[in-house]
Amino acid sequence: MLSEELRGLLHATGGQGRTELISPPRVPEQLPALVEYDRTFAYAKHLWKSPVGTPRRVTAAAFAAMTEQEQTKALMSCSHWNVRVTVPQGWNHVGLLPAPVAGDRAWTYPSEPGATFTTWAGGAEVHLALANHLAPWRIEVLGGLLWEDGKPLDEWGKRLRSAWADLTNLSRVHGDERQRQAAYLASRAVRAVLLFGLGGFAQRPRLVSGTTPLGEAIPAGVEILGQDDQVVTWQRQSGFSRDPYAHPEWPAYVWSGARAALLHTQYRQGKEIVGTAGALHARPGTVVYFGTDGIALTERQPWPYRGEVGDYLLKGHLTGPVEHPASQERYLELRALGRAELAAERAAGGEQR
């Protein structure tokens, strides 16, 4: 079991999905189109390997003393790194690594050339920043946690993927419309099992609430929720439960891999790479939105879809010009319109992706 110190560190620095609305002037005020892609059953793609045991702490000096091959192996292993990041001069694409926002629980993704920040990120993300095909970012490793690679979630993932694939296929080919709908809903339930399962492993800190009579000393470290003429109502974190099933290192590794795959993923046939996809493979200035396991862009992409977990599925296409959404709520409205337009296009015999 991880110490409370490490669990707290992973809770604070191992964020979940990337949610980012990219605003003008980085994208046009009038979008030529709004095209949505979604990674199919995305998190299931990242369950084949997981961190196990107690991590080894790696100092900046120890990492610097490694050979380049050893550094790459460490980053590609199950790992979590504290890094100082500099965006390279001439960079004109999306941000690659999350940066914490002071006083907030959110993350930003700096992309301005020359921007420097310090953050924590998974090894897959750090390696991508160092080795992406556009321009390597400057990364100074300040320290890290390095686990042994294991497979505690592999069998669970295989069973979920098998159930999801069978139900998804049944929802498309069954002769009874009611059975197709039932199979579709069941496939969504399998997805929920995966999402809530990972959340359960994360074991966020428990919150305890209480009240203090007005005028008495309020306990230290609490968040005040409200007050009336008699009491002050507050809440505070009470630490982590000693749950033997709590493994925040597992979802942190999955979430990091999924964020990296939003930027760059490879299609393989055996050991051969037969294609690539992700935001870094779209033209600069075309990525409008990141939403956990999906991307919205201003144009369609030649990304193949094979129906496998992790593949990018075309989910919506709203024909432009479209005024840039000023908020996430407005983006979700436009996304719904794009999905309806694509469904109508397909019903009329258009593109079948």
Protein backbone atom coordinates (compact mmCIF):
# COMPACT_ATOMS: atom_id res chain seq x y z
CA MET A 1 0.00 0.00 0.00
CA LEU A 2 1.29 3.49 -0.83
CA SER A 3 2.03 5.88 1.99
CA GLU A 4 -0.39 8.73 2.62
CA GLU A 5 2.33 11.09 1.39
CA LEU A 6 2.50 9.38 -2.01
CA ARG A 7 -1.26 9.00 -2.25
CA GLY A 8 -1.65 12.72 -1.56
CA LEU A 9 0.99 13.52 -4.18
CA LEU A 10 -0.75 11.42 -6.83
CA HIS A 11 -4.12 12.89 -5.93
CA ALA A 12 -2.78 16.41 -6.29
CA THR A 13 -0.68 15.86 -9.43
CA GLY A 14 -2.18 12.89 -11.31
CA GLY A 15 -5.13 14.63 -12.92
CA GLN A 16 -7.73 12.88 -15.02
CA GLY A 17 -8.79 13.89 -18.53
CA ARG A 18 -7.74 16.96 -20.48
CA THR A 19 -10.53 19.52 -20.89
CA GLU A 20 -9.47 22.59 -22.83
CA LEU A 21 -11.26 25.04 -25.09
CA ILE A 22 -8.71 26.73 -27.36
CA SER A 23 -9.61 30.34 -28.07
CA PRO A 24 -8.79 32.91 -30.79
CA PRO A 25 -6.29 33.99 -31.99
CA ARG A 26 -4.92 30.44 -31.73
CA VAL A 27 -7.94 29.33 -33.78
CA PRO A 28 -10.19 31.38 -36.08
CA GLU A 29 -13.10 33.47 -34.80
CA GLN A 30 -15.16 31.89 -37.57
CA LEU A 31 -14.53 28.16 -37.74
CA PRO A 32 -14.77 26.63 -41.23
CA ALA A 33 -16.35 23.57 -39.56
CA LEU A 34 -16.52 21.83 -36.20
CA VAL A 35 -15.52 18.17 -36.50
CA GLU A 36 -15.60 15.85 -33.47
CA TYR A 37 -13.50 12.72 -33.01
CA ASP A 38 -13.81 10.39 -30.03
CA ARG A 39 -11.36 7.69 -28.96
CA THR A 40 -13.38 4.50 -28.76
CA PHE A 41 -13.53 3.02 -25.22
CA ALA A 42 -10.31 4.95 -24.70
CA TYR A 43 -9.19 4.02 -21.19
CA ALA A 44 -9.46 0.30 -21.97
CA LYS A 45 -6.52 0.79 -24.35
CA HIS A 46 -4.22 1.62 -21.43
CA LEU A 47 -4.86 -1.26 -19.01
CA TRP A 48 -2.32 -3.75 -20.35
CA LYS A 49 0.45 -2.43 -18.07
CA SER A 50 0.26 -0.84 -14.62
CA PRO A 51 2.62 0.23 -11.82
CA VAL A 52 3.10 -2.29 -9.01
CA GLY A 53 4.81 -2.23 -5.62
CA THR A 54 6.45 0.71 -3.89
CA PRO A 55 7.97 3.22 -6.29
CA ARG A 56 11.65 4.04 -6.35
CA ARG A 57 12.41 7.72 -5.94
CA VAL A 58 14.63 9.07 -8.70
CA THR A 59 16.55 12.27 -7.99
CA ALA A 60 17.52 14.84 -10.60
CA ALA A 61 21.15 13.76 -10.27
CA ALA A 62 20.29 10.08 -10.66
CA PHE A 63 18.25 10.76 -13.80
CA ALA A 64 20.99 12.96 -15.29
CA ALA A 65 23.54 10.19 -14.67
CA MET A 66 21.53 7.71 -16.75
CA THR A 67 22.42 7.01 -20.37
CA GLU A 68 19.95 8.26 -22.99
CA GLN A 69 18.70 4.70 -23.41
CA GLU A 70 18.18 4.31 -19.65
CA GLN A 71 16.33 7.64 -19.48
CA THR A 72 14.00 6.60 -22.30
CA LYS A 73 13.34 3.25 -20.61
CA ALA A 74 12.57 5.01 -17.31
CA LEU A 75 10.14 7.41 -18.97
CA MET A 76 8.39 4.64 -20.89
CA SER A 77 8.04 2.57 -17.72
CA CYS A 78 5.28 3.20 -15.19
CA SER A 79 6.50 6.50 -13.80
CA HIS A 80 5.52 9.98 -12.60
CA TRP A 81 7.90 12.93 -12.96
CA ASN A 82 8.47 16.37 -11.52
CA VAL A 83 9.79 18.47 -14.40
CA ARG A 84 10.68 22.03 -15.36
CA VAL A 85 9.36 22.64 -18.87
CA THR A 86 10.19 25.22 -21.54
CA VAL A 87 8.11 25.53 -24.70
CA PRO A 88 10.51 25.77 -27.68
CA GLN A 89 10.84 28.89 -29.79
CA GLY A 90 8.75 28.71 -32.95
CA TRP A 91 6.20 26.33 -31.44
CA ASN A 92 2.79 26.96 -33.06
CA HIS A 93 0.71 23.99 -31.95
CA VAL A 94 -1.21 22.90 -28.84
CA GLY A 95 0.33 22.54 -25.41
CA LEU A 96 1.77 19.16 -24.47
CA LEU A 97 2.06 19.09 -20.68
CA PRO A 98 -0.36 20.16 -17.93
CA ALA A 99 0.56 23.07 -15.68
CA PRO A 100 -1.18 23.64 -12.34
CA VAL A 101 -3.23 26.78 -11.85
CA ALA A 102 -2.53 28.58 -8.58
CA GLY A 103 -5.50 28.45 -6.23
CA ASP A 104 -7.49 26.19 -8.52
CA ARG A 105 -7.97 22.47 -9.10
CA ALA A 106 -7.79 22.87 -12.87
CA TRP A 107 -4.87 22.53 -15.27
CA THR A 108 -3.75 24.59 -18.23
CA TYR A 109 -1.61 23.50 -21.18
CA PRO A 110 0.89 26.29 -21.96
CA SER A 111 1.89 26.56 -25.61
CA GLU A 112 3.39 30.05 -25.93
CA PRO A 113 7.00 29.83 -27.20
CA GLY A 114 9.42 30.43 -24.36
CA ALA A 115 6.88 29.75 -21.60
CA THR A 116 8.45 28.00 -18.61
CA PHE A 117 6.65 26.15 -15.82
CA THR A 118 7.15 23.37 -13.30
CA THR A 119 4.74 20.47 -13.09
CA TRP A 120 4.21 16.75 -12.55
CA ALA A 121 3.33 14.45 -15.45
CA GLY A 122 3.36 10.80 -16.37
CA GLY A 123 6.29 9.32 -18.23
CA ALA A 124 4.33 8.89 -21.47
CA GLU A 125 3.57 12.62 -21.59
CA VAL A 126 7.12 13.67 -20.70
CA HIS A 127 8.59 11.34 -23.32
CA LEU A 128 6.20 12.73 -25.96
CA ALA A 129 7.25 16.29 -25.15
CA LEU A 130 10.90 15.28 -25.56
CA ALA A 131 10.49 13.15 -28.68
CA ASN A 132 7.49 14.50 -30.62
CA HIS A 133 7.94 14.76 -34.39
CA LEU A 134 7.43 18.55 -34.56
CA ALA A 135 9.99 20.00 -32.14
CA PRO A 136 11.43 18.64 -28.88
CA TRP A 137 10.55 20.56 -25.75
CA ARG A 138 13.18 21.41 -23.16
CA ILE A 139 12.58 19.21 -20.11
CA GLU A 140 14.60 19.32 -16.90
CA VAL A 141 13.80 16.36 -14.66
CA LEU A 142 13.72 17.47 -11.01
CA GLY A 143 12.79 14.09 -9.62
CA GLY A 144 10.38 11.26 -10.09
CA LEU A 145 8.72 8.04 -9.00
CA LEU A 146 9.55 4.85 -10.88
CA TRP A 147 7.50 1.68 -10.37
CA GLU A 148 7.99 -1.86 -11.56
CA ASP A 149 5.82 -2.66 -14.59
CA GLY A 150 3.08 -5.19 -13.85
CA LYS A 151 -0.28 -6.40 -15.14
CA PRO A 152 -2.78 -6.12 -12.28
CA LEU A 153 -5.48 -4.64 -14.55
CA ASP A 154 -4.75 -6.59 -17.73
CA GLU A 155 -7.23 -9.46 -17.23
CA TRP A 156 -9.93 -7.06 -16.03
CA GLY A 157 -9.32 -4.94 -19.11
CA LYS A 158 -9.51 -7.92 -21.47
CA ARG A 159 -12.85 -8.99 -20.03
CA LEU A 160 -14.26 -5.47 -20.28
CA ARG A 161 -13.05 -5.11 -23.86
CA SER A 162 -14.53 -8.47 -24.83
CA ALA A 163 -17.91 -7.64 -23.26
CA TRP A 164 -17.93 -4.19 -24.82
CA ALA A 165 -17.05 -5.53 -28.29
CA ASP A 166 -19.74 -8.24 -28.17
CA LEU A 167 -22.43 -5.84 -27.03
CA THR A 168 -21.40 -3.15 -29.51
CA ASN A 169 -21.56 -5.63 -32.37
CA LEU A 170 -24.96 -6.90 -31.17
CA SER A 171 -26.28 -3.33 -31.03
CA ARG A 172 -25.53 -3.02 -34.75
CA VAL A 173 -26.61 -6.36 -36.20
CA HIS A 174 -29.46 -7.74 -34.09
CA GLY A 175 -32.71 -7.98 -36.02
CA ASP A 176 -34.86 -6.66 -33.17
CA GLU A 177 -34.66 -2.92 -32.61
CA ARG A 178 -35.40 -3.35 -28.90
CA GLN A 179 -32.55 -5.84 -28.55
CA ARG A 180 -30.21 -3.51 -30.42
CA GLN A 181 -31.09 -0.70 -28.02
CA ALA A 182 -30.67 -2.99 -25.00
CA ALA A 183 -27.25 -4.10 -26.25
CA TYR A 184 -26.20 -0.49 -26.81
CA LEU A 185 -27.24 0.48 -23.28
CA ALA A 186 -25.41 -2.55 -21.90
CA SER A 187 -22.24 -1.52 -23.78
CA ARG A 188 -22.51 1.91 -22.15
CA ALA A 189 -22.84 0.19 -18.78
CA VAL A 190 -19.58 -1.68 -19.43
CA ARG A 191 -17.94 1.66 -20.16
CA ALA A 192 -19.31 3.01 -16.87
CA VAL A 193 -17.83 0.02 -15.02
CA LEU A 194 -14.42 0.97 -16.40
CA LEU A 195 -14.73 4.67 -15.57
CA PHE A 196 -16.10 4.18 -12.06
CA GLY A 197 -13.69 1.33 -11.42
CA LEU A 198 -10.71 3.57 -12.14
CA GLY A 199 -12.24 6.29 -9.99
CA GLY A 200 -12.63 3.78 -7.18
CA PHE A 201 -8.97 2.81 -7.40
CA ALA A 202 -8.05 6.49 -7.21
CA GLN A 203 -9.62 6.80 -3.73
CA ARG A 204 -9.86 10.57 -3.47
CA PRO A 205 -9.63 12.03 0.05
CA ARG A 206 -12.74 11.81 2.18
CA LEU A 207 -14.58 15.02 3.07
CA VAL A 208 -15.94 15.58 6.57
CA SER A 209 -18.39 18.38 7.26
CA GLY A 210 -19.35 19.99 10.55
CA THR A 211 -20.66 23.11 12.24
CA THR A 212 -19.23 25.52 14.80
CA PRO A 213 -21.35 27.91 16.88
CA LEU A 214 -20.96 31.48 15.70
CA GLY A 215 -18.25 33.25 17.68
CA GLU A 216 -16.29 30.10 18.55
CA ALA A 217 -12.95 29.21 16.99
CA ILE A 218 -13.30 27.45 13.65
CA PRO A 219 -11.06 24.37 13.19
CA ALA A 220 -7.87 24.97 11.22
CA GLY A 221 -7.69 23.96 7.57
CA VAL A 222 -11.42 23.89 6.87
CA GLU A 223 -13.37 25.29 3.92
CA ILE A 224 -16.33 27.40 5.00
CA LEU A 225 -19.50 26.43 3.15
CA GLY A 226 -21.86 28.97 4.72
CA GLN A 227 -23.23 30.43 7.92
CA ASP A 228 -26.45 31.62 9.51
CA ASP A 229 -27.14 33.54 12.71
CA GLN A 230 -26.18 30.55 14.86
CA VAL A 231 -23.51 28.34 13.25
CA VAL A 232 -20.78 28.25 10.62
CA THR A 233 -20.90 25.20 8.33
CA TRP A 234 -17.57 23.85 7.03
CA GLN A 235 -15.85 20.89 5.46
CA ARG A 236 -12.32 19.55 5.36
CA GLN A 237 -10.39 16.65 3.95
CA SER A 238 -9.90 13.87 6.48
CA GLY A 239 -7.12 12.06 4.65
CA PHE A 240 -7.31 8.77 2.85
CA SER A 241 -9.09 5.62 3.98
CA ARG A 242 -6.87 2.63 4.64
CA ASP A 243 -8.49 0.74 1.83
CA PRO A 244 -6.44 -2.25 0.57
CA TYR A 245 -8.04 -1.77 -2.87
CA ALA A 246 -6.87 1.84 -3.18
CA HIS A 247 -4.28 2.15 -5.91
CA PRO A 248 -4.17 5.76 -7.16
CA GLU A 249 -1.04 4.90 -9.15
CA TRP A 250 -3.16 2.73 -11.49
CA PRO A 251 -5.63 5.38 -12.72
CA ALA A 252 -2.87 8.03 -12.75
CA TYR A 253 -0.95 5.88 -15.22
CA VAL A 254 -4.05 5.23 -17.36
CA TRP A 255 -5.06 8.89 -17.42
CA SER A 256 -1.54 10.01 -18.36
CA GLY A 257 -1.40 7.52 -21.22
CA ALA A 258 -4.81 8.65 -22.47
CA ARG A 259 -3.77 12.32 -22.42
CA ALA A 260 -0.65 11.47 -24.41
CA ALA A 261 -2.73 9.50 -26.92
CA LEU A 262 -4.92 12.56 -27.53
CA LEU A 263 -1.79 14.15 -28.94
CA HIS A 264 -0.15 11.20 -30.66
CA THR A 265 -1.17 7.60 -31.17
CA GLN A 266 0.00 4.92 -33.57
CA TYR A 267 -1.92 2.28 -35.48
CA ARG A 268 -0.09 -1.02 -35.59
CA GLN A 269 -0.45 -4.18 -37.60
CA GLY A 270 1.63 -6.63 -35.65
CA LYS A 271 4.86 -4.76 -34.99
CA GLU A 272 4.49 -2.53 -38.05
CA ILE A 273 3.23 1.05 -37.64
CA VAL A 274 0.60 1.59 -40.33
CA GLY A 275 -0.77 5.00 -39.34
CA THR A 276 -0.82 7.85 -36.82
CA ALA A 277 -3.50 10.07 -35.30
CA GLY A 278 -3.96 12.69 -32.61
CA ALA A 279 -3.85 16.45 -32.25
CA LEU A 280 -0.18 16.77 -33.23
CA HIS A 281 -1.01 15.17 -36.58
CA ALA A 282 -3.55 17.87 -37.42
CA ARG A 283 -2.54 21.21 -38.90
CA PRO A 284 -1.62 23.94 -36.40
CA GLY A 285 -4.59 26.18 -35.62
CA THR A 286 -7.21 23.51 -36.34
CA VAL A 287 -7.67 21.99 -32.86
CA VAL A 288 -10.54 23.71 -31.04
CA TYR A 289 -11.35 21.50 -28.06
CA PHE A 290 -10.06 18.63 -25.94
CA GLY A 291 -12.64 16.71 -23.94
CA THR A 292 -11.19 13.80 -21.90
CA ASP A 293 -11.07 11.22 -24.71
CA GLY A 294 -12.12 13.32 -27.70
CA ILE A 295 -10.95 16.18 -29.92
CA ALA A 296 -12.82 18.79 -31.95
CA LEU A 297 -11.14 20.33 -35.00
CA THR A 298 -11.99 22.60 -37.89
CA GLU A 299 -11.50 19.92 -40.57
CA ARG A 300 -11.79 16.17 -41.06
CA GLN A 301 -8.75 13.99 -40.65
CA PRO A 302 -7.53 10.91 -42.57
CA TRP A 303 -7.36 8.84 -39.38
CA PRO A 304 -8.35 5.21 -39.96
CA TYR A 305 -11.12 3.67 -37.88
CA ARG A 306 -10.99 -0.10 -37.35
CA GLY A 307 -13.50 -0.38 -34.52
CA GLU A 308 -10.76 -1.18 -32.00
CA VAL A 309 -10.35 0.40 -28.58
CA GLY A 310 -8.42 3.64 -28.79
CA ASP A 311 -9.30 4.29 -32.46
CA TYR A 312 -10.54 7.77 -33.37
CA LEU A 313 -14.20 7.63 -34.41
CA LEU A 314 -15.79 10.50 -36.32
CA LYS A 315 -18.72 11.50 -34.08
CA GLY A 316 -19.91 14.82 -35.47
CA HIS A 317 -19.48 17.33 -38.28
CA LEU A 318 -21.07 20.78 -38.14
CA THR A 319 -20.69 22.61 -41.45
CA GLY A 320 -19.34 26.15 -41.14
CA PRO A 321 -18.87 28.92 -40.88
CA VAL A 322 -19.39 28.41 -37.15
CA GLU A 323 -18.79 31.17 -34.62
CA HIS A 324 -16.17 30.08 -32.14
CA PRO A 325 -17.83 28.85 -28.91
CA ALA A 326 -17.07 31.25 -26.08
CA SER A 327 -17.67 28.65 -23.38
CA GLN A 328 -17.71 24.93 -22.80
CA GLU A 329 -21.50 25.05 -22.55
CA ARG A 330 -21.73 26.62 -26.01
CA TYR A 331 -19.29 24.05 -27.38
CA LEU A 332 -21.50 21.23 -26.10
CA GLU A 333 -24.49 22.80 -27.86
CA LEU A 334 -22.54 22.95 -31.13
CA ARG A 335 -21.32 19.39 -30.61
CA ALA A 336 -24.91 18.17 -30.39
CA LEU A 337 -25.72 19.97 -33.65
CA GLY A 338 -22.68 18.42 -35.31
CA ARG A 339 -23.68 14.92 -34.23
CA ALA A 340 -27.18 15.46 -35.59
CA GLU A 341 -25.81 16.74 -38.91
CA LEU A 342 -23.47 13.78 -39.31
CA ALA A 343 -26.27 11.33 -38.46
CA ALA A 344 -28.44 12.93 -41.14
CA GLU A 345 -25.58 12.76 -43.63
CA ARG A 346 -25.08 9.07 -42.98
CA ALA A 347 -28.82 8.37 -43.14
CA ALA A 348 -28.84 9.99 -46.56
CA GLY A 349 -26.08 7.67 -47.76
CA GLY A 350 -23.06 9.91 -47.15
CA GLU A 351 -19.71 8.98 -45.70
CA GLN A 352 -19.94 5.84 -43.56
CA ARG A 353 -17.23 6.55 -41.00
